Amino acid sequence: MNRDEALGGVVLFFFGVVTVLLSLRMPIGTFRAAGTGLFPFCLGILLMVLSAALMATMMAHTRPGVPAKEVLQKGIEAYREKGYPEEWKLHHQGGSIGYTGRDYRTHFGTPDIVQENQAFTWNPSLTGTKSEDTILATSRGIEMITYPVLYPTLSVSVGGISFVRPAILVKGGGM
């Protein structure tokens, strides 16, 4: 990914955050008596749920011995299945981490194989939202390094593996 693509991803992410935050300043109302903030709020929730499903797909396929580019391919297939076949191109999808932000960003030319006890941070995104967590790939399955503590959660399952993901925190009102 070049500098312009990275900048575009950051701009879209912050646009999504601002949209959700501004929607919470407007009356949300109910589905029967919708307020002006209901549509952007619901859109934010939809994007969050889709993003969580994409993240869970990538985490579920991060196993020792698997080429990192195969994990990326599974994530791209999930984008397609969810109806967003091109969104993965708007932001890098993550990769192995260590002492820097990423030891490498996974792409189709990545030769690396997921190693036992190797840390990964995947960050699938849809325009206006992004999901990012750090996991450890072990022979027993993935171990979550980051997980929601104070936020509400939602559960997502991929291939028989369940993940607890952060949901949107709504303060002072909501639905």
N, C-alpha and C. Protein backbone atom coordinates (compact mmCIF):
# COMPACT_ATOMS: atom_id res chain seq x y z
N MET A 1 0.84 -1.17 0.00
CA MET A 1 0.00 0.00 0.00
C MET A 1 0.89 1.23 0.00
N ASN A 2 0.52 2.18 -0.83
CA ASN A 2 1.33 3.40 -0.86
C ASN A 2 0.81 4.42 0.15
N ARG A 3 1.53 5.51 0.26
CA ARG A 3 1.22 6.55 1.25
C ARG A 3 -0.18 7.12 1.06
N ASP A 4 -0.59 7.36 -0.19
CA ASP A 4 -1.91 7.93 -0.47
C ASP A 4 -3.03 6.99 -0.05
N GLU A 5 -2.84 5.68 -0.30
CA GLU A 5 -3.85 4.71 0.10
C GLU A 5 -3.98 4.67 1.62
N ALA A 6 -2.84 4.71 2.32
CA ALA A 6 -2.87 4.70 3.78
C ALA A 6 -3.58 5.94 4.30
N LEU A 7 -3.27 7.09 3.74
CA LEU A 7 -3.91 8.34 4.16
C LEU A 7 -5.42 8.27 3.90
N GLY A 8 -5.82 7.72 2.77
CA GLY A 8 -7.25 7.57 2.45
C GLY A 8 -7.96 6.69 3.47
N GLY A 9 -7.33 5.60 3.88
CA GLY A 9 -7.91 4.72 4.89
C GLY A 9 -8.10 5.42 6.21
N VAL A 10 -7.11 6.22 6.62
CA VAL A 10 -7.19 6.96 7.88
C VAL A 10 -8.32 7.99 7.81
N VAL A 11 -8.41 8.70 6.70
CA VAL A 11 -9.46 9.72 6.54
C VAL A 11 -10.84 9.07 6.62
N LEU A 12 -11.03 7.94 5.91
CA LEU A 12 -12.33 7.26 5.94
C LEU A 12 -12.66 6.75 7.34
N PHE A 13 -11.66 6.24 8.05
CA PHE A 13 -11.88 5.76 9.41
C PHE A 13 -12.38 6.90 10.30
N PHE A 14 -11.70 8.03 10.27
CA PHE A 14 -12.10 9.15 11.11
C PHE A 14 -13.46 9.72 10.68
N PHE A 15 -13.78 9.68 9.39
CA PHE A 15 -15.10 10.10 8.93
C PHE A 15 -16.18 9.21 9.56
N GLY A 16 -15.94 7.90 9.60
CA GLY A 16 -16.89 6.98 10.21
C GLY A 16 -17.06 7.25 11.69
N VAL A 17 -15.95 7.49 12.39
CA VAL A 17 -16.02 7.77 13.83
C VAL A 17 -16.81 9.04 14.08
N VAL A 18 -16.54 10.08 13.31
CA VAL A 18 -17.25 11.35 13.47
C VAL A 18 -18.74 11.16 13.20
N THR A 19 -19.08 10.39 12.18
CA THR A 19 -20.49 10.13 11.86
C THR A 19 -21.22 9.48 13.03
N VAL A 20 -20.61 8.45 13.60
CA VAL A 20 -21.24 7.77 14.74
C VAL A 20 -21.36 8.72 15.93
N LEU A 21 -20.29 9.45 16.23
CA LEU A 21 -20.32 10.36 17.38
C LEU A 21 -21.36 11.46 17.19
N LEU A 22 -21.43 12.03 16.00
CA LEU A 22 -22.42 13.07 15.75
C LEU A 22 -23.84 12.53 15.80
N SER A 23 -24.03 11.28 15.37
CA SER A 23 -25.38 10.71 15.43
C SER A 23 -25.86 10.60 16.87
N LEU A 24 -24.93 10.41 17.80
CA LEU A 24 -25.30 10.29 19.21
C LEU A 24 -25.68 11.64 19.82
N ARG A 25 -25.34 12.74 19.16
CA ARG A 25 -25.72 14.07 19.64
C ARG A 25 -27.13 14.43 19.17
N MET A 26 -27.63 13.69 18.19
CA MET A 26 -28.98 13.95 17.67
C MET A 26 -29.95 12.99 18.36
N PRO A 27 -31.21 13.34 18.38
CA PRO A 27 -32.18 12.42 18.96
C PRO A 27 -32.25 11.14 18.12
N ILE A 28 -32.10 10.01 18.79
CA ILE A 28 -32.14 8.74 18.06
C ILE A 28 -33.57 8.24 17.94
N GLY A 29 -34.35 8.40 19.00
CA GLY A 29 -35.73 7.97 18.97
C GLY A 29 -35.85 6.46 18.99
N THR A 30 -36.89 5.96 18.35
CA THR A 30 -37.13 4.52 18.25
C THR A 30 -37.39 4.19 16.78
N PHE A 31 -37.55 2.92 16.49
CA PHE A 31 -37.84 2.56 15.10
C PHE A 31 -39.21 3.05 14.65
N ARG A 32 -40.16 3.18 15.58
CA ARG A 32 -41.50 3.68 15.24
C ARG A 32 -41.54 5.20 15.13
N ALA A 33 -40.68 5.86 15.91
CA ALA A 33 -40.60 7.33 15.90
C ALA A 33 -39.13 7.71 15.80
N ALA A 34 -38.60 7.54 14.61
CA ALA A 34 -37.17 7.74 14.39
C ALA A 34 -36.76 9.19 14.58
N GLY A 35 -35.63 9.36 15.23
CA GLY A 35 -35.02 10.68 15.35
C GLY A 35 -34.00 10.86 14.22
N THR A 36 -33.45 12.06 14.11
CA THR A 36 -32.51 12.34 13.03
C THR A 36 -31.22 11.54 13.14
N GLY A 37 -30.89 11.07 14.34
CA GLY A 37 -29.65 10.31 14.52
C GLY A 37 -29.81 8.82 14.33
N LEU A 38 -31.03 8.33 14.11
CA LEU A 38 -31.25 6.89 14.03
C LEU A 38 -30.54 6.25 12.84
N PHE A 39 -30.66 6.85 11.66
CA PHE A 39 -30.04 6.23 10.49
C PHE A 39 -28.52 6.14 10.61
N PRO A 40 -27.79 7.23 10.92
CA PRO A 40 -26.34 7.08 11.05
C PRO A 40 -25.95 6.15 12.19
N PHE A 41 -26.73 6.13 13.27
CA PHE A 41 -26.43 5.23 14.38
C PHE A 41 -26.57 3.77 13.93
N CYS A 42 -27.67 3.44 13.26
CA CYS A 42 -27.89 2.07 12.77
C CYS A 42 -26.84 1.69 11.74
N LEU A 43 -26.47 2.62 10.88
CA LEU A 43 -25.43 2.34 9.90
C LEU A 43 -24.11 2.04 10.60
N GLY A 44 -23.80 2.79 11.65
CA GLY A 44 -22.58 2.53 12.41
C GLY A 44 -22.60 1.15 13.04
N ILE A 45 -23.75 0.75 13.58
CA ILE A 45 -23.86 -0.59 14.18
C ILE A 45 -23.70 -1.67 13.11
N LEU A 46 -24.34 -1.48 11.95
CA LEU A 46 -24.21 -2.46 10.87
C LEU A 46 -22.75 -2.61 10.45
N LEU A 47 -22.06 -1.50 10.28
CA LEU A 47 -20.66 -1.56 9.90
C LEU A 47 -19.82 -2.24 10.98
N MET A 48 -20.15 -2.01 12.25
CA MET A 48 -19.42 -2.63 13.35
C MET A 48 -19.61 -4.14 13.34
N VAL A 49 -20.83 -4.61 13.12
CA VAL A 49 -21.11 -6.04 13.11
C VAL A 49 -20.39 -6.71 11.93
N LEU A 50 -20.46 -6.10 10.75
CA LEU A 50 -19.76 -6.67 9.60
C LEU A 50 -18.25 -6.70 9.83
N SER A 51 -17.72 -5.63 10.40
CA SER A 51 -16.30 -5.56 10.68
C SER A 51 -15.89 -6.64 11.67
N ALA A 52 -16.72 -6.89 12.69
CA ALA A 52 -16.41 -7.94 13.67
C ALA A 52 -16.40 -9.31 13.01
N ALA A 53 -17.31 -9.55 12.09
CA ALA A 53 -17.35 -10.83 11.39
C ALA A 53 -16.10 -11.03 10.53
N LEU A 54 -15.66 -9.98 9.87
CA LEU A 54 -14.44 -10.06 9.07
C LEU A 54 -13.24 -10.35 9.94
N MET A 55 -13.16 -9.66 11.09
CA MET A 55 -12.04 -9.86 12.02
C MET A 55 -12.03 -11.30 12.52
N ALA A 56 -13.19 -11.81 12.91
CA ALA A 56 -13.28 -13.17 13.43
C ALA A 56 -12.82 -14.18 12.37
N THR A 57 -13.14 -13.94 11.11
CA THR A 57 -12.71 -14.84 10.03
C THR A 57 -11.19 -14.88 9.95
N MET A 58 -10.56 -13.72 9.99
CA MET A 58 -9.11 -13.68 9.88
C MET A 58 -8.44 -14.31 11.10
N MET A 59 -8.98 -14.05 12.29
CA MET A 59 -8.39 -14.64 13.50
C MET A 59 -8.55 -16.16 13.50
N ALA A 60 -9.70 -16.66 13.07
CA ALA A 60 -9.96 -18.10 13.09
C ALA A 60 -9.01 -18.87 12.18
N HIS A 61 -8.52 -18.23 11.14
CA HIS A 61 -7.63 -18.90 10.18
C HIS A 61 -6.15 -18.68 10.45
N THR A 62 -5.82 -17.94 11.50
CA THR A 62 -4.42 -17.69 11.85
C THR A 62 -3.95 -18.83 12.75
N ARG A 63 -3.31 -19.82 12.11
CA ARG A 63 -2.83 -21.00 12.83
C ARG A 63 -1.39 -21.29 12.43
N PRO A 64 -0.59 -21.81 13.36
CA PRO A 64 0.79 -22.16 13.02
C PRO A 64 0.84 -23.10 11.81
N GLY A 65 1.76 -22.81 10.89
CA GLY A 65 1.94 -23.62 9.70
C GLY A 65 1.16 -23.14 8.49
N VAL A 66 0.26 -22.18 8.69
CA VAL A 66 -0.56 -21.65 7.59
C VAL A 66 0.16 -20.43 6.99
N PRO A 67 0.30 -20.38 5.67
CA PRO A 67 0.88 -19.18 5.06
C PRO A 67 0.03 -17.95 5.38
N ALA A 68 0.67 -16.86 5.77
CA ALA A 68 -0.05 -15.63 6.13
C ALA A 68 -0.93 -15.16 4.98
N LYS A 69 -0.48 -15.34 3.74
CA LYS A 69 -1.29 -14.88 2.60
C LYS A 69 -2.57 -15.69 2.46
N GLU A 70 -2.61 -16.92 2.99
CA GLU A 70 -3.85 -17.71 2.98
C GLU A 70 -4.86 -17.12 3.96
N VAL A 71 -4.38 -16.61 5.08
CA VAL A 71 -5.27 -15.94 6.04
C VAL A 71 -5.86 -14.70 5.38
N LEU A 72 -5.02 -13.94 4.69
CA LEU A 72 -5.49 -12.77 3.96
C LEU A 72 -6.57 -13.17 2.95
N GLN A 73 -6.34 -14.25 2.22
CA GLN A 73 -7.31 -14.71 1.22
C GLN A 73 -8.64 -15.06 1.87
N LYS A 74 -8.61 -15.69 3.04
CA LYS A 74 -9.85 -16.02 3.75
C LYS A 74 -10.59 -14.74 4.13
N GLY A 75 -9.84 -13.73 4.55
CA GLY A 75 -10.46 -12.44 4.88
C GLY A 75 -11.10 -11.81 3.66
N ILE A 76 -10.42 -11.85 2.53
CA ILE A 76 -10.96 -11.28 1.29
C ILE A 76 -12.22 -12.02 0.87
N GLU A 77 -12.24 -13.35 1.03
CA GLU A 77 -13.44 -14.13 0.72
C GLU A 77 -14.60 -13.71 1.63
N ALA A 78 -14.30 -13.41 2.90
CA ALA A 78 -15.34 -12.97 3.84
C ALA A 78 -15.90 -11.61 3.42
N TYR A 79 -15.02 -10.69 2.97
CA TYR A 79 -15.51 -9.42 2.45
C TYR A 79 -16.51 -9.67 1.32
N ARG A 80 -16.15 -10.56 0.40
CA ARG A 80 -17.00 -10.87 -0.76
C ARG A 80 -18.33 -11.46 -0.29
N GLU A 81 -18.28 -12.42 0.65
CA GLU A 81 -19.50 -13.06 1.14
C GLU A 81 -20.43 -12.08 1.84
N LYS A 82 -19.87 -11.06 2.48
CA LYS A 82 -20.67 -10.07 3.19
C LYS A 82 -21.16 -8.96 2.28
N GLY A 83 -20.78 -9.00 1.00
CA GLY A 83 -21.26 -8.00 0.04
C GLY A 83 -20.36 -6.80 -0.14
N TYR A 84 -19.09 -6.90 0.28
CA TYR A 84 -18.14 -5.79 0.17
C TYR A 84 -16.86 -6.28 -0.51
N PRO A 85 -16.94 -6.71 -1.77
CA PRO A 85 -15.78 -7.36 -2.41
C PRO A 85 -14.56 -6.49 -2.63
N GLU A 86 -14.70 -5.18 -2.64
CA GLU A 86 -13.57 -4.29 -2.92
C GLU A 86 -13.04 -3.55 -1.69
N GLU A 87 -13.74 -3.60 -0.59
CA GLU A 87 -13.37 -2.81 0.60
C GLU A 87 -11.99 -3.15 1.15
N TRP A 88 -11.55 -4.39 1.01
CA TRP A 88 -10.25 -4.78 1.56
C TRP A 88 -9.11 -4.00 0.93
N LYS A 89 -9.34 -3.45 -0.24
CA LYS A 89 -8.30 -2.71 -0.95
C LYS A 89 -8.07 -1.30 -0.37
N LEU A 90 -8.98 -0.83 0.49
CA LEU A 90 -8.92 0.54 0.98
C LEU A 90 -8.01 0.72 2.20
N HIS A 91 -7.59 -0.38 2.82
CA HIS A 91 -6.73 -0.29 4.00
C HIS A 91 -5.96 -1.60 4.12
N HIS A 92 -4.72 -1.53 4.58
CA HIS A 92 -3.97 -2.78 4.73
C HIS A 92 -4.69 -3.65 5.77
N GLN A 93 -4.58 -4.94 5.65
CA GLN A 93 -5.35 -5.86 6.48
C GLN A 93 -4.61 -6.36 7.71
N GLY A 94 -3.37 -5.90 7.90
CA GLY A 94 -2.62 -6.28 9.09
C GLY A 94 -1.57 -7.33 8.80
N GLY A 95 -1.07 -7.96 9.86
CA GLY A 95 -0.04 -8.98 9.72
C GLY A 95 0.63 -9.24 11.05
N SER A 96 1.81 -9.80 10.97
CA SER A 96 2.57 -10.16 12.17
C SER A 96 3.07 -8.90 12.86
N ILE A 97 3.07 -8.93 14.20
CA ILE A 97 3.58 -7.78 14.94
C ILE A 97 4.69 -8.23 15.88
N GLY A 98 5.46 -7.28 16.31
CA GLY A 98 6.55 -7.55 17.24
C GLY A 98 6.95 -6.24 17.88
N TYR A 99 8.13 -5.76 17.51
CA TYR A 99 8.62 -4.52 18.10
C TYR A 99 8.19 -3.29 17.34
N THR A 100 7.66 -3.46 16.16
CA THR A 100 7.16 -2.33 15.38
C THR A 100 5.66 -2.53 15.16
N GLY A 101 5.03 -1.57 14.50
CA GLY A 101 3.60 -1.68 14.23
C GLY A 101 3.24 -2.98 13.56
N ARG A 102 4.02 -3.40 12.61
CA ARG A 102 3.87 -4.70 11.95
C ARG A 102 5.28 -5.18 11.58
N ASP A 103 5.58 -6.44 11.88
CA ASP A 103 6.82 -7.02 11.37
C ASP A 103 6.72 -7.06 9.85
N TYR A 104 5.54 -7.41 9.38
CA TYR A 104 5.23 -7.32 7.95
C TYR A 104 3.73 -7.15 7.79
N ARG A 105 3.36 -6.45 6.74
CA ARG A 105 1.96 -6.33 6.35
C ARG A 105 1.71 -7.44 5.34
N THR A 106 0.73 -8.25 5.61
CA THR A 106 0.43 -9.38 4.75
C THR A 106 -0.15 -8.91 3.42
N HIS A 107 0.38 -9.47 2.34
CA HIS A 107 -0.13 -9.22 0.98
C HIS A 107 0.05 -10.52 0.21
N PHE A 108 -0.37 -10.55 -1.04
CA PHE A 108 -0.34 -11.80 -1.81
C PHE A 108 1.07 -12.31 -2.09
N GLY A 109 2.07 -11.45 -1.96
CA GLY A 109 3.45 -11.88 -2.18
C GLY A 109 4.17 -12.24 -0.89
N THR A 110 3.48 -12.17 0.25
CA THR A 110 4.11 -12.48 1.54
C THR A 110 4.51 -13.94 1.59
N PRO A 111 5.81 -14.25 1.79
CA PRO A 111 6.25 -15.64 1.83
C PRO A 111 6.14 -16.27 3.22
N ASP A 112 5.86 -15.47 4.23
CA ASP A 112 5.92 -15.92 5.62
C ASP A 112 4.82 -16.92 5.98
N ILE A 113 5.18 -17.83 6.86
CA ILE A 113 4.28 -18.84 7.40
C ILE A 113 4.01 -18.47 8.86
N VAL A 114 2.76 -18.60 9.31
CA VAL A 114 2.42 -18.32 10.70
C VAL A 114 3.20 -19.30 11.59
N GLN A 115 3.89 -18.76 12.58
CA GLN A 115 4.72 -19.56 13.49
C GLN A 115 4.00 -19.78 14.82
N GLU A 116 4.38 -20.84 15.52
CA GLU A 116 3.86 -21.12 16.86
C GLU A 116 4.18 -19.93 17.77
N ASN A 117 3.18 -19.46 18.51
CA ASN A 117 3.30 -18.35 19.45
C ASN A 117 3.68 -17.03 18.79
N GLN A 118 3.31 -16.85 17.54
CA GLN A 118 3.57 -15.60 16.83
C GLN A 118 2.35 -14.68 17.00
N ALA A 119 2.61 -13.42 17.26
CA ALA A 119 1.54 -12.44 17.43
C ALA A 119 1.14 -11.84 16.09
N PHE A 120 -0.15 -11.65 15.93
CA PHE A 120 -0.72 -11.03 14.73
C PHE A 120 -1.73 -9.99 15.14
N THR A 121 -1.78 -8.94 14.35
CA THR A 121 -2.85 -7.95 14.48
C THR A 121 -3.47 -7.79 13.11
N TRP A 122 -4.70 -8.25 13.00
CA TRP A 122 -5.46 -8.08 11.77
C TRP A 122 -6.34 -6.86 11.96
N ASN A 123 -6.57 -6.12 10.90
CA ASN A 123 -7.43 -4.95 11.01
C ASN A 123 -8.27 -4.75 9.76
N PRO A 124 -9.25 -5.65 9.55
CA PRO A 124 -10.17 -5.43 8.44
C PRO A 124 -10.98 -4.16 8.68
N SER A 125 -11.36 -3.52 7.61
CA SER A 125 -12.12 -2.28 7.74
C SER A 125 -13.17 -2.20 6.66
N LEU A 126 -14.23 -1.52 6.98
CA LEU A 126 -15.25 -1.12 6.02
C LEU A 126 -15.30 0.39 6.12
N THR A 127 -15.60 1.05 5.03
CA THR A 127 -15.60 2.50 5.04
C THR A 127 -16.40 3.01 6.24
N GLY A 128 -15.73 3.74 7.10
CA GLY A 128 -16.37 4.31 8.28
C GLY A 128 -16.14 3.52 9.56
N THR A 129 -15.50 2.37 9.48
CA THR A 129 -15.24 1.59 10.69
C THR A 129 -14.03 0.70 10.49
N LYS A 130 -13.44 0.28 11.59
CA LYS A 130 -12.28 -0.61 11.54
C LYS A 130 -12.27 -1.45 12.80
N SER A 131 -11.85 -2.69 12.66
CA SER A 131 -11.73 -3.59 13.80
C SER A 131 -10.27 -4.00 13.90
N GLU A 132 -9.73 -4.01 15.10
CA GLU A 132 -8.32 -4.39 15.25
C GLU A 132 -8.09 -5.00 16.62
N ASP A 133 -7.52 -6.18 16.63
CA ASP A 133 -7.15 -6.85 17.87
C ASP A 133 -5.85 -7.60 17.66
N THR A 134 -5.18 -7.91 18.76
CA THR A 134 -3.93 -8.66 18.71
C THR A 134 -4.18 -10.05 19.26
N ILE A 135 -3.68 -11.04 18.52
CA ILE A 135 -3.84 -12.44 18.91
C ILE A 135 -2.49 -13.13 18.89
N LEU A 136 -2.41 -14.26 19.55
CA LEU A 136 -1.24 -15.12 19.53
C LEU A 136 -1.66 -16.43 18.87
N ALA A 137 -0.95 -16.85 17.83
CA ALA A 137 -1.26 -18.11 17.14
C ALA A 137 -0.58 -19.25 17.89
N THR A 138 -1.36 -20.15 18.45
CA THR A 138 -0.79 -21.29 19.18
C THR A 138 -1.33 -22.59 18.61
N SER A 139 -0.72 -23.70 18.95
CA SER A 139 -1.20 -24.99 18.48
C SER A 139 -2.54 -25.35 19.10
N ARG A 140 -2.92 -24.69 20.20
CA ARG A 140 -4.21 -24.93 20.85
C ARG A 140 -5.30 -24.02 20.30
N GLY A 141 -4.95 -23.15 19.38
CA GLY A 141 -5.88 -22.16 18.85
C GLY A 141 -5.35 -20.78 19.16
N ILE A 142 -6.13 -19.78 18.79
CA ILE A 142 -5.64 -18.42 19.04
C ILE A 142 -5.87 -18.03 20.50
N GLU A 143 -5.00 -17.18 20.97
CA GLU A 143 -5.14 -16.60 22.30
C GLU A 143 -5.30 -15.10 22.10
N MET A 144 -6.39 -14.56 22.63
CA MET A 144 -6.62 -13.12 22.51
C MET A 144 -5.67 -12.38 23.43
N ILE A 145 -5.00 -11.38 22.90
CA ILE A 145 -4.14 -10.51 23.69
C ILE A 145 -4.92 -9.26 24.09
N THR A 146 -5.72 -8.76 23.15
CA THR A 146 -6.58 -7.61 23.43
C THR A 146 -8.03 -8.09 23.37
N TYR A 147 -8.84 -7.63 24.28
CA TYR A 147 -10.25 -8.01 24.30
C TYR A 147 -11.04 -6.92 25.03
N PRO A 148 -12.34 -6.86 24.76
CA PRO A 148 -13.15 -5.81 25.37
C PRO A 148 -13.28 -6.02 26.88
N VAL A 149 -13.11 -4.94 27.64
CA VAL A 149 -13.22 -5.02 29.09
C VAL A 149 -14.42 -4.19 29.56
N LEU A 150 -14.47 -2.93 29.16
CA LEU A 150 -15.51 -2.03 29.64
C LEU A 150 -16.67 -1.85 28.66
N TYR A 151 -16.46 -2.18 27.40
CA TYR A 151 -17.49 -1.96 26.39
C TYR A 151 -18.48 -3.11 26.35
N PRO A 152 -19.69 -2.83 25.85
CA PRO A 152 -20.61 -3.94 25.61
C PRO A 152 -19.98 -4.86 24.55
N THR A 153 -20.43 -6.09 24.48
CA THR A 153 -19.82 -7.05 23.56
C THR A 153 -20.87 -7.71 22.68
N LEU A 154 -20.39 -8.33 21.63
CA LEU A 154 -21.21 -9.19 20.80
C LEU A 154 -20.39 -10.44 20.52
N SER A 155 -21.06 -11.53 20.24
CA SER A 155 -20.37 -12.79 19.99
C SER A 155 -20.46 -13.12 18.51
N VAL A 156 -19.33 -13.52 17.93
CA VAL A 156 -19.25 -13.89 16.53
C VAL A 156 -18.59 -15.26 16.46
N SER A 157 -19.16 -16.17 15.65
CA SER A 157 -18.57 -17.50 15.49
C SER A 157 -18.14 -17.73 14.06
N VAL A 158 -16.96 -18.32 13.90
CA VAL A 158 -16.44 -18.68 12.58
C VAL A 158 -15.83 -20.07 12.70
N GLY A 159 -16.32 -20.99 11.89
CA GLY A 159 -15.75 -22.33 11.88
C GLY A 159 -15.77 -23.01 13.24
N GLY A 160 -16.81 -22.78 14.02
CA GLY A 160 -16.92 -23.39 15.34
C GLY A 160 -16.12 -22.70 16.43
N ILE A 161 -15.46 -21.60 16.10
CA ILE A 161 -14.69 -20.84 17.09
C ILE A 161 -15.47 -19.56 17.40
N SER A 162 -15.71 -19.31 18.69
CA SER A 162 -16.46 -18.12 19.10
C SER A 162 -15.50 -17.01 19.52
N PHE A 163 -15.85 -15.81 19.17
CA PHE A 163 -15.07 -14.63 19.51
C PHE A 163 -15.98 -13.62 20.19
N VAL A 164 -15.50 -13.01 21.24
CA VAL A 164 -16.21 -11.91 21.89
C VAL A 164 -15.58 -10.64 21.38
N ARG A 165 -16.40 -9.80 20.77
CA ARG A 165 -15.92 -8.58 20.13
C ARG A 165 -16.56 -7.37 20.79
N PRO A 166 -15.89 -6.22 20.78
CA PRO A 166 -16.51 -5.03 21.35
C PRO A 166 -17.65 -4.54 20.47
N ALA A 167 -18.68 -4.05 21.11
CA ALA A 167 -19.81 -3.44 20.39
C ALA A 167 -19.73 -1.94 20.62
N ILE A 168 -20.66 -1.21 20.06
CA ILE A 168 -20.67 0.25 20.22
C ILE A 168 -21.26 0.59 21.59
N LEU A 169 -20.57 1.45 22.31
CA LEU A 169 -21.03 1.93 23.60
C LEU A 169 -21.91 3.16 23.37
N VAL A 170 -23.15 3.10 23.82
CA VAL A 170 -24.06 4.21 23.69
C VAL A 170 -24.27 4.79 25.07
N LYS A 171 -23.94 6.07 25.23
CA LYS A 171 -24.09 6.72 26.53
C LYS A 171 -25.26 7.70 26.49
N GLY A 172 -26.06 7.70 27.53
CA GLY A 172 -27.11 8.68 27.67
C GLY A 172 -28.20 8.62 26.62
N GLY A 173 -28.86 7.53 26.49
CA GLY A 173 -29.97 7.43 25.54
C GLY A 173 -29.79 6.22 24.67
N GLY A 174 -30.09 6.39 23.43
CA GLY A 174 -29.96 5.27 22.50
C GLY A 174 -31.31 4.67 22.21
N MET A 175 -31.27 3.42 21.81
CA MET A 175 -32.49 2.77 21.38
C MET A 175 -33.01 2.03 22.55
